[in-house]
Amino acid sequence: MTNRHDIAPNPDLIVGPDLREAWNTAERRRWGFHNLHRITRYGLHLRSRDVLGVKRRIDRRIGDMAEVHRLTETTMFSAMVVLRGDTLVFDRYAADFGPDRPHSIMSISKTAMNLLIGRLAADGALDLSTKVKQHIPEIGSGYAEATVQDVLDMNIVNSYDEDYSDPFTAALIHESAMGWRLPPDGQADESDRDFLCTITSDDLTNYSDEPQYKSSNTDVIGWIAERVSGRPLRSHFIDIVEAAGLEDTFFMSCDRDGVPNLNGGICMSARDLARYGLLFTRDGRGILGQEVGSGAFIEATRAQTGPRYGAPAEHITYGNQMRTNGRWLGHGGWGGQFMLVDPDSDTVVVFFSVLENEDASDWEYQLETIAMAEAITLMDQA
């Protein structure tokens, strides 16, 4: 019998002549980031039982700031939210976005490992000086001899690279195992952890003074957390979502085995990301007092013991899966997002945008976003 079915690869996930999946090309990236929760091959959908209510009391000074005007009036802008405690003091949305719309937060997802690892360390379940191979014997040379702390701090060197101007960078190849793109013709689907085991290194030592940023590190850290806790990552994320009191959908993309893409798989609304950020102002405690992080670990992160960025960002260090200047903590997301948390002023600033250049990378733009957010947290300082 002749097969007359019309079968073709998924058009959103196929890798085109430019070696990027269709949703992630410059001309379609905005649609992709606004709809990644519908695009990936596999995913995890969570809703919180209890919701942290927020009072709306707009601080008009924020909207009057020149830097806020500049960053929210570009075609790249999607959303911006500022919470002071449970008070919403500013929000603004692009015409094609809104307060209940999920947005990819990319690498801001990594910050969840600060909470989870901090809690495990505080409970005595994980010694950060141990080597990765003690928890994951099957891991390859890219991680086996590294300490958990160095992996947390982006302080190792291996074959995984993250240069989005290079279409062959490991970070983009990784997306096949994550379910964000189709594997090459003739190649079978691969799990994320199978991919992690292929990463190699002859010398893990970071001879520079700067972070060696690798998204694969976060997935290795999550694997360790699952091993030492004896609980699946899904269970830990249910705890975090409930602790934050999220109002809308929390989506996490997964690999084909159901392992969450910790390095960048979360999609959520701007308001919910701000609610999540408040966990870091409450020493990792949830809305009902549940402990999903560690205040001591958050303070250790602010102590700036990790590698330091070069000029003009030499005031910022990377450690425990977060950036910090010694006061605020935060993280950027590839393509134009940032979450900045200032525990001292109980403030969270969330900024969503989608960069329109080919590689979706712009360090100066991210530093401008950080400066704007920092200025908001300091506006009531004497």
Protein backbone atom coordinates (compact mmCIF):
# COMPACT_ATOMS: atom_id res chain seq x y z
CA MET A 1 0.00 0.00 0.00
CA THR A 2 1.39 3.40 -1.00
CA ASN A 3 1.87 5.94 1.80
CA ARG A 4 0.16 9.12 0.59
CA HIS A 5 0.49 11.09 3.84
CA ASP A 6 2.02 14.55 3.57
CA ILE A 7 4.73 14.52 6.25
CA ALA A 8 7.28 17.27 6.87
CA PRO A 9 9.51 18.39 9.76
CA ASN A 10 7.94 20.83 12.21
CA PRO A 11 8.43 24.25 10.54
CA ASP A 12 9.00 26.11 13.83
CA LEU A 13 11.72 23.73 15.01
CA ILE A 14 13.58 22.97 11.81
CA VAL A 15 17.07 24.45 11.46
CA GLY A 16 17.29 26.64 8.38
CA PRO A 17 20.13 27.68 6.06
CA ASP A 18 21.29 30.22 8.67
CA LEU A 19 21.69 27.28 11.11
CA ARG A 20 19.05 28.66 13.49
CA GLU A 21 15.65 27.20 14.23
CA ALA A 22 12.77 29.09 12.59
CA TRP A 23 11.36 30.60 15.80
CA ASN A 24 14.79 32.00 16.72
CA THR A 25 15.68 33.90 13.56
CA ALA A 26 15.98 37.66 13.96
CA GLU A 27 12.75 38.33 12.10
CA ARG A 28 10.69 35.78 14.11
CA ARG A 29 12.41 35.92 17.49
CA ARG A 30 9.91 38.30 19.09
CA TRP A 31 7.07 35.93 18.25
CA GLY A 32 9.24 33.05 19.46
CA PHE A 33 10.03 34.58 22.85
CA HIS A 34 6.37 35.49 23.37
CA ASN A 35 5.26 31.95 22.50
CA LEU A 36 8.10 29.64 23.55
CA HIS A 37 5.71 27.91 25.96
CA ARG A 38 3.81 26.72 22.86
CA ILE A 39 6.82 25.99 20.66
CA THR A 40 9.12 23.59 22.53
CA ARG A 41 8.65 19.86 22.02
CA TYR A 42 8.24 18.99 25.70
CA GLY A 43 7.29 20.93 28.80
CA LEU A 44 6.09 21.19 32.37
CA HIS A 45 3.09 23.36 33.33
CA LEU A 46 2.55 24.41 36.96
CA ARG A 47 0.05 26.61 38.81
CA SER A 48 0.25 27.72 42.43
CA ARG A 49 -2.55 26.89 44.85
CA ASP A 50 -2.15 30.19 46.72
CA VAL A 51 -1.42 33.54 45.08
CA LEU A 52 0.51 36.47 46.52
CA GLY A 53 -1.79 39.46 46.13
CA VAL A 54 -0.22 42.75 45.09
CA LYS A 55 -1.50 46.24 45.83
CA ARG A 56 -1.27 48.76 42.99
CA ARG A 57 0.26 52.06 44.13
CA ILE A 58 2.10 53.62 41.19
CA ASP A 59 5.25 55.63 41.89
CA ARG A 60 5.16 58.17 39.07
CA ARG A 61 8.81 59.05 39.56
CA ILE A 62 9.76 55.75 37.91
CA GLY A 63 7.82 56.49 34.75
CA ASP A 64 9.39 59.95 34.60
CA MET A 65 12.96 58.60 34.58
CA ALA A 66 14.76 59.28 31.30
CA GLU A 67 16.31 55.80 31.25
CA VAL A 68 12.90 54.18 31.72
CA HIS A 69 11.52 56.20 28.80
CA ARG A 70 14.48 55.22 26.64
CA LEU A 71 14.28 51.48 27.31
CA THR A 72 10.49 51.09 27.23
CA GLU A 73 9.89 53.03 24.03
CA THR A 74 11.94 50.87 21.67
CA THR A 75 10.49 48.24 19.34
CA MET A 76 12.40 45.64 21.38
CA PHE A 77 10.47 46.30 24.62
CA SER A 78 7.91 43.78 25.93
CA ALA A 79 7.22 44.48 29.63
CA MET A 80 8.54 46.06 32.81
CA VAL A 81 7.33 45.56 36.38
CA VAL A 82 8.58 46.94 39.71
CA LEU A 83 7.47 45.51 43.06
CA ARG A 84 8.34 46.96 46.46
CA GLY A 85 7.32 44.15 48.72
CA ASP A 86 3.77 43.27 47.74
CA THR A 87 3.13 46.72 46.24
CA LEU A 88 3.16 47.17 42.46
CA VAL A 89 4.76 50.58 41.95
CA PHE A 90 5.28 50.44 38.18
CA ASP A 91 4.25 48.39 35.18
CA ARG A 92 4.29 48.98 31.45
CA TYR A 93 3.64 46.69 28.48
CA ALA A 94 4.19 46.77 24.75
CA ALA A 95 1.12 46.91 22.52
CA ASP A 96 1.58 43.26 21.51
CA PHE A 97 2.06 42.04 25.09
CA GLY A 98 0.21 42.20 28.42
CA PRO A 99 0.24 41.55 32.18
CA ASP A 100 -0.94 37.93 31.97
CA ARG A 101 1.24 36.90 29.00
CA PRO A 102 4.13 34.46 29.57
CA HIS A 103 7.51 35.46 28.17
CA SER A 104 10.69 33.44 27.89
CA ILE A 105 13.08 34.48 30.67
CA MET A 106 15.96 32.41 29.24
CA SER A 107 18.93 32.37 31.66
CA ILE A 108 17.08 34.10 34.50
CA SER A 109 15.89 30.50 34.97
CA LYS A 110 19.33 29.72 36.42
CA THR A 111 18.54 31.65 39.60
CA ALA A 112 16.29 28.81 40.81
CA MET A 113 19.47 26.83 41.46
CA ASN A 114 20.58 29.49 43.95
CA LEU A 115 17.45 28.69 45.94
CA LEU A 116 17.62 24.92 45.59
CA ILE A 117 21.35 24.48 46.19
CA GLY A 118 21.26 27.00 49.03
CA ARG A 119 18.56 24.99 50.74
CA LEU A 120 20.36 21.67 50.25
CA ALA A 121 23.63 23.12 51.57
CA ALA A 122 21.88 24.64 54.60
CA ASP A 123 20.24 21.28 55.35
CA GLY A 124 23.60 19.51 55.20
CA ALA A 125 22.59 17.46 52.16
CA LEU A 126 25.28 18.88 49.87
CA ASP A 127 28.90 19.86 50.46
CA LEU A 128 29.85 22.43 47.82
CA SER A 129 33.52 21.43 48.01
CA THR A 130 32.79 17.93 46.72
CA LYS A 131 33.56 17.00 43.12
CA VAL A 132 30.88 16.48 40.52
CA LYS A 133 31.94 12.86 39.92
CA GLN A 134 31.07 12.01 43.53
CA HIS A 135 27.42 12.73 42.71
CA ILE A 136 27.34 11.85 38.99
CA PRO A 137 29.87 9.04 38.38
CA GLU A 138 28.89 8.80 34.72
CA ILE A 139 29.73 12.44 33.91
CA GLY A 140 32.49 13.12 31.36
CA SER A 141 35.82 14.89 31.78
CA GLY A 142 34.17 18.27 31.25
CA TYR A 143 32.87 18.15 34.83
CA ALA A 144 34.12 15.07 36.70
CA GLU A 145 36.96 16.74 38.64
CA ALA A 146 35.26 20.13 39.11
CA THR A 147 33.95 21.15 42.52
CA VAL A 148 30.25 21.90 42.85
CA GLN A 149 31.16 25.44 43.94
CA ASP A 150 33.21 26.13 40.82
CA VAL A 151 30.40 24.87 38.61
CA LEU A 152 27.95 27.13 40.46
CA ASP A 153 30.27 30.10 39.96
CA MET A 154 30.91 29.59 36.22
CA ASN A 155 34.54 29.08 37.16
CA ILE A 156 35.60 26.11 35.02
CA VAL A 157 36.85 25.62 31.46
CA ASN A 158 35.61 22.85 29.16
CA SER A 159 34.53 22.20 25.58
CA TYR A 160 31.10 23.84 25.99
CA ASP A 161 31.12 27.34 24.52
CA GLU A 162 28.42 29.99 24.39
CA ASP A 163 29.04 32.43 21.54
CA TYR A 164 25.72 33.14 19.85
CA SER A 165 27.42 34.85 16.91
CA ASP A 166 28.75 31.38 16.01
CA PRO A 167 26.00 29.13 14.58
CA PHE A 168 28.07 26.08 15.60
CA THR A 169 28.42 27.12 19.25
CA ALA A 170 27.69 24.34 21.73
CA ALA A 171 24.93 26.44 23.31
CA LEU A 172 22.90 26.26 20.08
CA ILE A 173 23.74 22.59 19.41
CA HIS A 174 22.54 21.92 22.97
CA GLU A 175 19.04 23.10 21.98
CA SER A 176 18.36 19.85 20.14
CA ALA A 177 18.70 17.88 23.39
CA MET A 178 16.54 20.51 25.10
CA GLY A 179 13.70 20.06 22.61
CA TRP A 180 14.03 23.57 21.17
CA ARG A 181 15.09 22.43 17.69
CA LEU A 182 15.06 19.24 15.65
CA PRO A 183 18.21 17.12 15.53
CA PRO A 184 20.12 16.98 12.24
CA ASP A 185 18.79 14.58 9.60
CA GLY A 186 19.69 11.00 10.45
CA GLN A 187 20.52 11.78 14.07
CA ALA A 188 18.38 10.31 16.84
CA ASP A 189 16.87 12.44 19.57
CA GLU A 190 19.23 12.82 22.52
CA SER A 191 18.43 13.50 26.18
CA ASP A 192 19.90 16.53 27.93
CA ARG A 193 21.92 14.39 30.32
CA ASP A 194 23.33 12.26 27.52
CA PHE A 195 24.49 15.52 25.95
CA LEU A 196 26.06 16.74 29.22
CA CYS A 197 28.15 13.58 29.41
CA THR A 198 29.76 14.36 26.04
CA ILE A 199 31.37 17.60 27.31
CA THR A 200 35.13 17.22 27.74
CA SER A 201 38.09 19.06 29.23
CA ASP A 202 41.85 18.55 29.46
CA ASP A 203 42.20 21.25 32.12
CA LEU A 204 39.23 22.63 34.09
CA THR A 205 41.22 25.53 35.55
CA ASN A 206 39.94 29.04 34.85
CA TYR A 207 43.16 30.99 34.31
CA SER A 208 41.29 34.25 33.74
CA ASP A 209 39.71 36.41 36.43
CA GLU A 210 36.34 36.46 34.65
CA PRO A 211 33.33 34.11 34.61
CA GLN A 212 33.44 31.30 32.03
CA TYR A 213 29.73 31.34 31.29
CA LYS A 214 28.29 27.95 30.32
CA SER A 215 24.58 27.12 30.43
CA SER A 216 25.42 23.43 30.69
CA ASN A 217 26.76 24.13 34.22
CA THR A 218 23.24 24.80 35.46
CA ASP A 219 21.89 21.52 34.12
CA VAL A 220 24.75 19.66 35.83
CA ILE A 221 23.98 21.45 39.11
CA GLY A 222 20.32 20.45 38.83
CA TRP A 223 21.29 16.83 38.20
CA ILE A 224 23.38 16.91 41.39
CA ALA A 225 20.47 18.44 43.32
CA GLU A 226 18.19 15.66 42.17
CA ARG A 227 20.71 12.97 43.16
CA VAL A 228 21.48 14.30 46.66
CA SER A 229 17.87 15.19 47.52
CA GLY A 230 16.33 11.98 46.21
CA ARG A 231 13.51 14.06 44.70
CA PRO A 232 12.76 14.83 41.05
CA LEU A 233 13.35 18.41 39.92
CA ARG A 234 9.65 18.71 39.10
CA SER A 235 8.88 18.28 42.80
CA HIS A 236 11.36 21.00 43.76
CA PHE A 237 9.83 23.40 41.24
CA ILE A 238 6.35 22.78 42.57
CA ASP A 239 7.70 23.90 45.95
CA ILE A 240 9.25 27.05 44.44
CA VAL A 241 6.11 27.99 42.48
CA GLU A 242 3.94 27.52 45.58
CA ALA A 243 6.41 29.48 47.73
CA ALA A 244 6.41 32.41 45.31
CA GLY A 245 2.61 32.50 45.10
CA LEU A 246 2.50 32.83 41.33
CA GLU A 247 -0.77 33.95 39.77
CA ASP A 248 -0.48 32.70 36.21
CA THR A 249 1.08 29.81 34.32
CA PHE A 250 4.62 28.73 35.12
CA PHE A 251 6.02 26.85 32.13
CA MET A 252 9.35 25.01 32.04
CA SER A 253 10.57 23.33 28.88
CA CYS A 254 11.98 19.81 29.31
CA ASP A 255 13.97 17.27 27.38
CA ARG A 256 12.36 14.09 26.01
CA ASP A 257 12.89 12.33 29.37
CA GLY A 258 11.02 15.07 31.23
CA VAL A 259 14.13 16.65 32.76
CA PRO A 260 13.57 20.43 33.12
CA ASN A 261 15.78 22.75 31.07
CA LEU A 262 17.16 24.57 34.11
CA ASN A 263 19.56 26.67 32.08
CA GLY A 264 16.87 28.72 30.34
CA GLY A 265 13.55 26.94 29.98
CA ILE A 266 11.16 29.03 32.09
CA CYS A 267 8.36 31.16 30.65
CA MET A 268 6.24 33.32 32.95
CA SER A 269 4.55 36.70 33.20
CA ALA A 270 6.50 39.78 34.28
CA ARG A 271 4.41 40.14 37.44
CA ASP A 272 5.00 36.51 38.37
CA LEU A 273 8.74 36.83 37.81
CA ALA A 274 8.66 39.79 40.21
CA ARG A 275 6.74 37.67 42.75
CA TYR A 276 9.40 34.99 42.33
CA GLY A 277 12.13 37.58 42.84
CA LEU A 278 10.68 38.48 46.24
CA LEU A 279 11.82 35.04 47.47
CA PHE A 280 15.35 36.49 47.51
CA THR A 281 14.22 39.44 49.64
CA ARG A 282 12.66 37.04 52.17
CA ASP A 283 15.77 34.90 52.69
CA GLY A 284 14.35 32.16 50.46
CA ARG A 285 11.08 31.89 52.41
CA GLY A 286 7.73 31.46 50.72
CA ILE A 287 4.45 33.28 51.23
CA LEU A 288 3.46 30.78 53.94
CA GLY A 289 6.92 30.66 55.51
CA GLN A 290 8.09 27.54 53.66
CA GLU A 291 11.87 27.41 53.13
CA VAL A 292 12.88 26.90 49.51
CA GLY A 293 16.18 28.80 49.73
CA SER A 294 18.67 29.93 52.34
CA GLY A 295 19.20 33.44 53.68
CA ALA A 296 22.80 32.59 54.54
CA PHE A 297 23.44 31.36 51.00
CA ILE A 298 21.87 34.49 49.50
CA GLU A 299 24.11 36.65 51.70
CA ALA A 300 27.13 34.54 50.70
CA THR A 301 26.22 35.25 47.08
CA ARG A 302 26.23 38.99 47.78
CA ALA A 303 29.71 38.66 49.32
CA GLN A 304 31.14 38.60 45.76
CA THR A 305 33.52 35.66 46.09
CA GLY A 306 32.98 34.49 42.50
CA PRO A 307 34.86 35.60 39.37
CA ARG A 308 34.58 39.26 38.40
CA TYR A 309 33.57 40.71 35.03
CA GLY A 310 35.93 42.93 33.10
CA ALA A 311 35.51 46.65 32.43
CA PRO A 312 33.08 48.35 32.28
CA ALA A 313 31.35 45.80 34.55
CA GLU A 314 34.18 45.18 37.01
CA HIS A 315 31.82 45.97 39.92
CA ILE A 316 29.78 42.84 39.09
CA THR A 317 30.71 39.27 40.03
CA TYR A 318 29.13 35.91 39.20
CA GLY A 319 28.55 33.38 41.95
CA ASN A 320 26.02 30.76 43.02
CA GLN A 321 24.17 31.13 39.69
CA MET A 322 23.57 34.86 40.09
CA ARG A 323 25.23 38.18 39.33
CA THR A 324 25.72 40.74 42.10
CA ASN A 325 27.37 44.09 42.81
CA GLY A 326 27.45 43.31 46.53
CA ARG A 327 23.99 44.78 47.12
CA TRP A 328 21.61 43.66 44.41
CA LEU A 329 21.36 40.15 42.98
CA GLY A 330 20.08 39.31 39.54
CA HIS A 331 20.48 37.62 36.22
CA GLY A 332 20.06 38.39 32.57
CA GLY A 333 18.32 36.32 29.95
CA TRP A 334 19.77 35.83 26.48
CA GLY A 335 17.92 38.06 24.06
CA GLY A 336 16.99 40.97 26.33
CA GLN A 337 15.57 40.17 29.80
CA PHE A 338 16.78 41.04 33.29
CA MET A 339 15.61 40.49 36.87
CA LEU A 340 17.26 42.62 39.57
CA VAL A 341 16.52 42.03 43.26
CA ASP A 342 17.55 44.47 46.00
CA PRO A 343 16.94 42.84 49.40
CA ASP A 344 17.89 46.07 51.21
CA SER A 345 14.97 48.02 49.71
CA ASP A 346 12.69 45.00 49.26
CA THR A 347 12.53 45.81 45.54
CA VAL A 348 12.35 43.64 42.42
CA VAL A 349 12.71 45.08 38.93
CA VAL A 350 11.77 42.89 35.96
CA PHE A 351 12.47 43.90 32.38
CA PHE A 352 11.45 41.95 29.27
CA SER A 353 12.54 42.74 25.74
CA VAL A 354 13.58 40.86 22.61
CA LEU A 355 16.75 41.92 20.83
CA GLU A 356 16.47 42.26 17.07
CA ASN A 357 20.09 41.72 16.03
CA GLU A 358 21.25 38.44 14.49
CA ASP A 359 22.84 36.90 17.60
CA ALA A 360 20.42 38.44 20.14
CA SER A 361 23.37 39.58 22.26
CA ASP A 362 24.26 43.10 23.40
CA TRP A 363 26.33 43.47 26.58
CA GLU A 364 26.08 47.28 26.57
CA TYR A 365 22.28 47.07 26.37
CA GLN A 366 22.22 44.69 29.33
CA LEU A 367 24.45 47.00 31.37
CA GLU A 368 22.11 49.90 30.51
CA THR A 369 19.17 47.81 31.75
CA ILE A 370 21.01 46.99 34.97
CA ALA A 371 21.85 50.66 35.56
CA MET A 372 18.20 51.63 35.12
CA ALA A 373 17.01 48.93 37.53
CA GLU A 374 19.68 49.84 40.08
CA ALA A 375 18.69 53.51 39.94
CA ILE A 376 15.09 52.54 40.76
CA THR A 377 16.18 50.61 43.85
CA LEU A 378 18.24 53.56 45.08
CA MET A 379 15.76 56.37 44.44
CA ASP A 380 14.76 56.70 48.11
CA GLN A 381 18.30 56.51 49.48
CA ALA A 382 19.39 59.50 51.54
